[in-house]
Amino acid sequence: MIGPYYKAKAFEYHLTGFYSGLPADPNQVVTIAARTDKNVQKWLRSEVRQKIRDARNGT
Protein backbone atom coordinates (compact mmCIF):
# COMPACT_ATOMS: atom_id res chain seq x y z
CA MET A 1 0.00 0.00 0.00
CA ILE A 2 2.79 2.51 0.83
CA GLY A 3 5.16 0.95 -1.68
CA PRO A 4 5.07 3.86 -4.16
CA TYR A 5 5.72 6.39 -1.40
CA TYR A 6 8.55 4.38 0.09
CA LYS A 7 10.09 3.78 -3.30
CA ALA A 8 10.07 7.52 -3.98
CA LYS A 9 11.43 8.16 -0.47
CA ALA A 10 8.67 10.76 -0.08
CA PHE A 11 8.58 10.39 3.70
CA GLU A 12 12.32 10.34 4.19
CA TYR A 13 13.70 13.15 2.05
CA HIS A 14 12.74 16.78 1.42
CA LEU A 15 12.83 16.32 -2.34
CA THR A 16 11.25 13.18 -3.75
CA GLY A 17 13.76 11.15 -5.74
CA PHE A 18 16.70 13.22 -4.47
CA TYR A 19 18.50 10.33 -2.74
CA SER A 20 21.47 9.02 -4.66
CA GLY A 21 23.42 7.13 -1.99
CA LEU A 22 26.26 8.17 0.24
CA PRO A 23 29.33 9.74 -1.34
CA ALA A 24 32.54 7.73 -1.48
CA ASP A 25 34.51 10.49 0.27
CA PRO A 26 34.31 9.97 4.06
CA ASN A 27 34.70 13.72 4.66
CA GLN A 28 31.52 14.37 2.68
CA VAL A 29 29.69 11.72 4.71
CA VAL A 30 30.79 13.44 7.94
CA THR A 31 29.61 16.81 6.59
CA ILE A 32 26.20 15.37 5.69
CA ALA A 33 25.86 13.70 9.10
CA ALA A 34 26.82 16.89 10.93
CA ARG A 35 24.31 18.94 8.93
CA THR A 36 21.57 16.39 9.62
CA ASP A 37 22.42 16.33 13.33
CA LYS A 38 22.29 20.14 13.47
CA ASN A 39 18.87 20.16 11.78
CA VAL A 40 17.51 17.54 14.18
CA GLN A 41 18.81 19.49 17.17
CA LYS A 42 17.21 22.69 15.87
CA TRP A 43 13.86 20.97 15.32
CA LEU A 44 13.95 19.24 18.71
CA ARG A 45 14.83 22.48 20.49
CA SER A 46 11.87 24.28 18.90
CA GLU A 47 9.50 21.42 19.79
CA VAL A 48 10.63 21.40 23.43
CA ARG A 49 10.29 25.18 23.67
CA GLN A 50 6.77 24.97 22.26
CA LYS A 51 5.81 22.27 24.78
CA ILE A 52 7.13 24.47 27.60
CA ARG A 53 5.12 27.44 26.32
CA ASP A 54 2.01 25.27 26.02
CA ALA A 55 2.48 23.97 29.58
CA ARG A 56 2.88 27.50 30.94
CA ASN A 57 -0.26 28.62 29.10
CA GLY A 58 -2.25 25.61 30.28
CA THR A 59 -2.91 24.28 26.78
PDB file of N, CA and C in Angstrom:
ATOM      1  N   MET A   1       0.808  -1.179   0.000  1.00  0.00           N
ATOM      2  CA  MET A   1       0.000   0.000   0.000  1.00  0.00           C
ATOM      3  C   MET A   1       0.868   1.267   0.000  1.00  0.00           C
ATOM      4  N   ILE A   2       1.938   1.314   0.828  1.00  0.00           N
ATOM      5  CA  ILE A   2       2.787   2.506   0.830  1.00  0.00           C
ATOM      6  C   ILE A   2       4.002   2.337  -0.074  1.00  0.00           C
ATOM      7  N   GLY A   3       4.034   1.241  -0.804  1.00  0.00           N
ATOM      8  CA  GLY A   3       5.164   0.955  -1.681  1.00  0.00           C
ATOM      9  C   GLY A   3       5.588   2.109  -2.566  1.00  0.00           C
ATOM     10  N   PRO A   4       4.660   2.754  -3.288  1.00  0.00           N
ATOM     11  CA  PRO A   4       5.072   3.862  -4.160  1.00  0.00           C
ATOM     12  C   PRO A   4       5.692   5.021  -3.390  1.00  0.00           C
ATOM     13  N   TYR A   5       5.164   5.306  -2.201  1.00  0.00           N
ATOM     14  CA  TYR A   5       5.721   6.395  -1.398  1.00  0.00           C
ATOM     15  C   TYR A   5       7.112   6.033  -0.894  1.00  0.00           C
ATOM     16  N   TYR A   6       7.251   4.789  -0.420  1.00  0.00           N
ATOM     17  CA  TYR A   6       8.552   4.375   0.086  1.00  0.00           C
ATOM     18  C   TYR A   6       9.576   4.372  -1.038  1.00  0.00           C
ATOM     19  N   LYS A   7       9.175   3.859  -2.170  1.00  0.00           N
ATOM     20  CA  LYS A   7      10.089   3.779  -3.304  1.00  0.00           C
ATOM     21  C   LYS A   7      10.573   5.173  -3.703  1.00  0.00           C
ATOM     22  N   ALA A   8       9.704   6.153  -3.618  1.00  0.00           N
ATOM     23  CA  ALA A   8      10.070   7.517  -3.978  1.00  0.00           C
ATOM     24  C   ALA A   8      10.770   8.231  -2.830  1.00  0.00           C
ATOM     25  N   LYS A   9      10.827   7.570  -1.666  1.00  0.00           N
ATOM     26  CA  LYS A   9      11.427   8.160  -0.471  1.00  0.00           C
ATOM     27  C   LYS A   9      10.707   9.447  -0.064  1.00  0.00           C
ATOM     28  N   ALA A  10       9.429   9.546  -0.339  1.00  0.00           N
ATOM     29  CA  ALA A  10       8.665  10.763  -0.083  1.00  0.00           C
ATOM     30  C   ALA A  10       8.620  11.115   1.399  1.00  0.00           C
ATOM     31  N   PHE A  11       8.657  10.117   2.274  1.00  0.00           N
ATOM     32  CA  PHE A  11       8.582  10.391   3.702  1.00  0.00           C
ATOM     33  C   PHE A  11       9.951  10.633   4.323  1.00  0.00           C
ATOM     34  N   GLU A  12      10.987  10.320   3.612  1.00  0.00           N
ATOM     35  CA  GLU A  12      12.322  10.343   4.193  1.00  0.00           C
ATOM     36  C   GLU A  12      13.147  11.551   3.763  1.00  0.00           C
ATOM     37  N   TYR A  13      12.878  12.093   2.602  1.00  0.00           N
ATOM     38  CA  TYR A  13      13.701  13.152   2.046  1.00  0.00           C
ATOM     39  C   TYR A  13      12.858  14.361   1.674  1.00  0.00           C
ATOM     40  N   HIS A  14      13.462  15.543   1.748  1.00  0.00           N
ATOM     41  CA  HIS A  14      12.745  16.776   1.423  1.00  0.00           C
ATOM     42  C   HIS A  14      12.307  16.798  -0.040  1.00  0.00           C
ATOM     43  N   LEU A  15      13.155  16.321  -0.918  1.00  0.00           N
ATOM     44  CA  LEU A  15      12.833  16.318  -2.345  1.00  0.00           C
ATOM     45  C   LEU A  15      12.666  14.878  -2.804  1.00  0.00           C
ATOM     46  N   THR A  16      11.506  14.537  -3.291  1.00  0.00           N
ATOM     47  CA  THR A  16      11.247  13.178  -3.751  1.00  0.00           C
ATOM     48  C   THR A  16      12.229  12.810  -4.853  1.00  0.00           C
ATOM     49  N   GLY A  17      12.827  11.640  -4.724  1.00  0.00           N
ATOM     50  CA  GLY A  17      13.755  11.152  -5.737  1.00  0.00           C
ATOM     51  C   GLY A  17      15.138  11.756  -5.643  1.00  0.00           C
ATOM     52  N   PHE A  18      15.422  12.539  -4.596  1.00  0.00           N
ATOM     53  CA  PHE A  18      16.705  13.218  -4.466  1.00  0.00           C
ATOM     54  C   PHE A  18      17.822  12.272  -4.030  1.00  0.00           C
ATOM     55  N   TYR A  19      17.490  11.231  -3.299  1.00  0.00           N
ATOM     56  CA  TYR A  19      18.496  10.334  -2.735  1.00  0.00           C
ATOM     57  C   TYR A  19      19.303   9.642  -3.813  1.00  0.00           C
ATOM     58  N   SER A  20      20.613   9.692  -3.674  1.00  0.00           N
ATOM     59  CA  SER A  20      21.473   9.022  -4.655  1.00  0.00           C
ATOM     60  C   SER A  20      22.530   8.161  -3.995  1.00  0.00           C
ATOM     61  N   GLY A  21      22.435   7.939  -2.700  1.00  0.00           N
ATOM     62  CA  GLY A  21      23.415   7.130  -1.991  1.00  0.00           C
ATOM     63  C   GLY A  21      24.455   8.009  -1.330  1.00  0.00           C
ATOM     64  N   LEU A  22      25.225   7.413  -0.440  1.00  0.00           N
ATOM     65  CA  LEU A  22      26.261   8.169   0.245  1.00  0.00           C
ATOM     66  C   LEU A  22      27.467   8.374  -0.667  1.00  0.00           C
ATOM     67  N   PRO A  23      28.133   9.509  -0.539  1.00  0.00           N
ATOM     68  CA  PRO A  23      29.328   9.738  -1.339  1.00  0.00           C
ATOM     69  C   PRO A  23      30.469   8.820  -0.902  1.00  0.00           C
ATOM     70  N   ALA A  24      31.403   8.596  -1.778  1.00  0.00           N
ATOM     71  CA  ALA A  24      32.545   7.726  -1.482  1.00  0.00           C
ATOM     72  C   ALA A  24      33.531   8.404  -0.545  1.00  0.00           C
ATOM     73  N   ASP A  25      33.571   9.740  -0.569  1.00  0.00           N
ATOM     74  CA  ASP A  25      34.507  10.491   0.266  1.00  0.00           C
ATOM     75  C   ASP A  25      33.999  10.540   1.704  1.00  0.00           C
ATOM     76  N   PRO A  26      34.745   9.970   2.666  1.00  0.00           N
ATOM     77  CA  PRO A  26      34.306   9.965   4.064  1.00  0.00           C
ATOM     78  C   PRO A  26      34.100  11.373   4.636  1.00  0.00           C
ATOM     79  N   ASN A  27      34.864  12.344   4.176  1.00  0.00           N
ATOM     80  CA  ASN A  27      34.699  13.717   4.661  1.00  0.00           C
ATOM     81  C   ASN A  27      33.330  14.266   4.283  1.00  0.00           C
ATOM     82  N   GLN A  28      32.848  13.928   3.103  1.00  0.00           N
ATOM     83  CA  GLN A  28      31.519  14.368   2.684  1.00  0.00           C
ATOM     84  C   GLN A  28      30.437  13.698   3.523  1.00  0.00           C
ATOM     85  N   VAL A  29      30.655  12.435   3.867  1.00  0.00           N
ATOM     86  CA  VAL A  29      29.691  11.720   4.714  1.00  0.00           C
ATOM     87  C   VAL A  29      29.607  12.389   6.086  1.00  0.00           C
ATOM     88  N   VAL A  30      30.757  12.760   6.642  1.00  0.00           N
ATOM     89  CA  VAL A  30      30.786  13.441   7.942  1.00  0.00           C
ATOM     90  C   VAL A  30      30.057  14.782   7.855  1.00  0.00           C
ATOM     91  N   THR A  31      30.277  15.519   6.775  1.00  0.00           N
ATOM     92  CA  THR A  31      29.608  16.810   6.585  1.00  0.00           C
ATOM     93  C   THR A  31      28.100  16.639   6.529  1.00  0.00           C
ATOM     94  N   ILE A  32      27.637  15.644   5.798  1.00  0.00           N
ATOM     95  CA  ILE A  32      26.197  15.367   5.689  1.00  0.00           C
ATOM     96  C   ILE A  32      25.628  14.985   7.050  1.00  0.00           C
ATOM     97  N   ALA A  33      26.334  14.132   7.778  1.00  0.00           N
ATOM     98  CA  ALA A  33      25.861  13.697   9.096  1.00  0.00           C
ATOM     99  C   ALA A  33      25.796  14.874  10.067  1.00  0.00           C
ATOM    100  N   ALA A  34      26.801  15.736  10.037  1.00  0.00           N
ATOM    101  CA  ALA A  34      26.819  16.895  10.931  1.00  0.00           C
ATOM    102  C   ALA A  34      25.670  17.840  10.614  1.00  0.00           C
ATOM    103  N   ARG A  35      25.405  18.060   9.336  1.00  0.00           N
ATOM    104  CA  ARG A  35      24.306  18.938   8.925  1.00  0.00           C
ATOM    105  C   ARG A  35      22.973  18.353   9.381  1.00  0.00           C
ATOM    106  N   THR A  36      22.809  17.057   9.213  1.00  0.00           N
ATOM    107  CA  THR A  36      21.573  16.391   9.621  1.00  0.00           C
ATOM    108  C   THR A  36      21.391  16.493  11.127  1.00  0.00           C
ATOM    109  N   ASP A  37      22.472  16.250  11.876  1.00  0.00           N
ATOM    110  CA  ASP A  37      22.422  16.333  13.330  1.00  0.00           C
ATOM    111  C   ASP A  37      22.032  17.742  13.774  1.00  0.00           C
ATOM    112  N   LYS A  38      22.598  18.748  13.125  1.00  0.00           N
ATOM    113  CA  LYS A  38      22.290  20.140  13.473  1.00  0.00           C
ATOM    114  C   LYS A  38      20.813  20.444  13.207  1.00  0.00           C
ATOM    115  N   ASN A  39      20.278  19.944  12.108  1.00  0.00           N
ATOM    116  CA  ASN A  39      18.865  20.162  11.785  1.00  0.00           C
ATOM    117  C   ASN A  39      17.953  19.469  12.789  1.00  0.00           C
ATOM    118  N   VAL A  40      18.316  18.267  13.202  1.00  0.00           N
ATOM    119  CA  VAL A  40      17.506  17.538  14.175  1.00  0.00           C
ATOM    120  C   VAL A  40      17.535  18.265  15.515  1.00  0.00           C
ATOM    121  N   GLN A  41      18.709  18.749  15.917  1.00  0.00           N
ATOM    122  CA  GLN A  41      18.807  19.492  17.171  1.00  0.00           C
ATOM    123  C   GLN A  41      17.947  20.757  17.132  1.00  0.00           C
ATOM    124  N   LYS A  42      17.994  21.465  16.020  1.00  0.00           N
ATOM    125  CA  LYS A  42      17.209  22.694  15.870  1.00  0.00           C
ATOM    126  C   LYS A  42      15.714  22.391  15.971  1.00  0.00           C
ATOM    127  N   TRP A  43      15.272  21.350  15.283  1.00  0.00           N
ATOM    128  CA  TRP A  43      13.859  20.971  15.321  1.00  0.00           C
ATOM    129  C   TRP A  43      13.450  20.554  16.738  1.00  0.00           C
ATOM    130  N   LEU A  44      14.266  19.733  17.373  1.00  0.00           N
ATOM    131  CA  LEU A  44      13.946  19.242  18.708  1.00  0.00           C
ATOM    132  C   LEU A  44      13.887  20.400  19.703  1.00  0.00           C
ATOM    133  N   ARG A  45      14.810  21.321  19.608  1.00  0.00           N
ATOM    134  CA  ARG A  45      14.826  22.483  20.491  1.00  0.00           C
ATOM    135  C   ARG A  45      13.535  23.290  20.347  1.00  0.00           C
ATOM    136  N   SER A  46      13.101  23.511  19.109  1.00  0.00           N
ATOM    137  CA  SER A  46      11.872  24.279  18.902  1.00  0.00           C
ATOM    138  C   SER A  46      10.651  23.530  19.429  1.00  0.00           C
ATOM    139  N   GLU A  47      10.628  22.211  19.275  1.00  0.00           N
ATOM    140  CA  GLU A  47       9.501  21.420  19.790  1.00  0.00           C
ATOM    141  C   GLU A  47       9.438  21.480  21.318  1.00  0.00           C
ATOM    142  N   VAL A  48      10.591  21.363  21.962  1.00  0.00           N
ATOM    143  CA  VAL A  48      10.627  21.404  23.427  1.00  0.00           C
ATOM    144  C   VAL A  48      10.195  22.781  23.921  1.00  0.00           C
ATOM    145  N   ARG A  49      10.687  23.827  23.275  1.00  0.00           N
ATOM    146  CA  ARG A  49      10.288  25.179  23.667  1.00  0.00           C
ATOM    147  C   ARG A  49       8.777  25.376  23.532  1.00  0.00           C
ATOM    148  N   GLN A  50       8.204  24.848  22.456  1.00  0.00           N
ATOM    149  CA  GLN A  50       6.766  24.972  22.264  1.00  0.00           C
ATOM    150  C   GLN A  50       6.002  24.222  23.342  1.00  0.00           C
ATOM    151  N   LYS A  51       6.466  23.045  23.715  1.00  0.00           N
ATOM    152  CA  LYS A  51       5.810  22.266  24.779  1.00  0.00           C
ATOM    153  C   LYS A  51       5.869  23.027  26.109  1.00  0.00           C
ATOM    154  N   ILE A  52       6.999  23.681  26.372  1.00  0.00           N
ATOM    155  CA  ILE A  52       7.126  24.472  27.600  1.00  0.00           C
ATOM    156  C   ILE A  52       6.148  25.639  27.582  1.00  0.00           C
ATOM    157  N   ARG A  53       6.072  26.329  26.439  1.00  0.00           N
ATOM    158  CA  ARG A  53       5.119  27.440  26.316  1.00  0.00           C
ATOM    159  C   ARG A  53       3.686  26.956  26.510  1.00  0.00           C
ATOM    160  N   ASP A  54       3.365  25.830  25.881  1.00  0.00           N
ATOM    161  CA  ASP A  54       2.014  25.268  26.023  1.00  0.00           C
ATOM    162  C   ASP A  54       1.708  24.924  27.486  1.00  0.00           C
ATOM    163  N   ALA A  55       2.679  24.352  28.175  1.00  0.00           N
ATOM    164  CA  ALA A  55       2.476  23.971  29.580  1.00  0.00           C
ATOM    165  C   ALA A  55       2.266  25.204  30.451  1.00  0.00           C
ATOM    166  N   ARG A  56       3.021  26.262  30.170  1.00  0.00           N
ATOM    167  CA  ARG A  56       2.875  27.502  30.941  1.00  0.00           C
ATOM    168  C   ARG A  56       1.525  28.163  30.692  1.00  0.00           C
ATOM    169  N   ASN A  57       1.024  28.017  29.464  1.00  0.00           N
ATOM    170  CA  ASN A  57      -0.265  28.623  29.099  1.00  0.00           C
ATOM    171  C   ASN A  57      -1.452  27.728  29.444  1.00  0.00           C
ATOM    172  N   GLY A  58      -1.172  26.520  29.923  1.00  0.00           N
ATOM    173  CA  GLY A  58      -2.248  25.609  30.283  1.00  0.00           C
ATOM    174  C   GLY A  58      -2.961  24.969  29.110  1.00  0.00           C
ATOM    175  N   THR A  59      -2.288  24.899  27.954  1.00  0.00           N
ATOM    176  CA  THR A  59      -2.912  24.280  26.777  1.00  0.00           C
ATOM    177  C   THR A  59      -2.366  22.895  26.535  1.00  0.00           C
TER     178      THR A  59
END
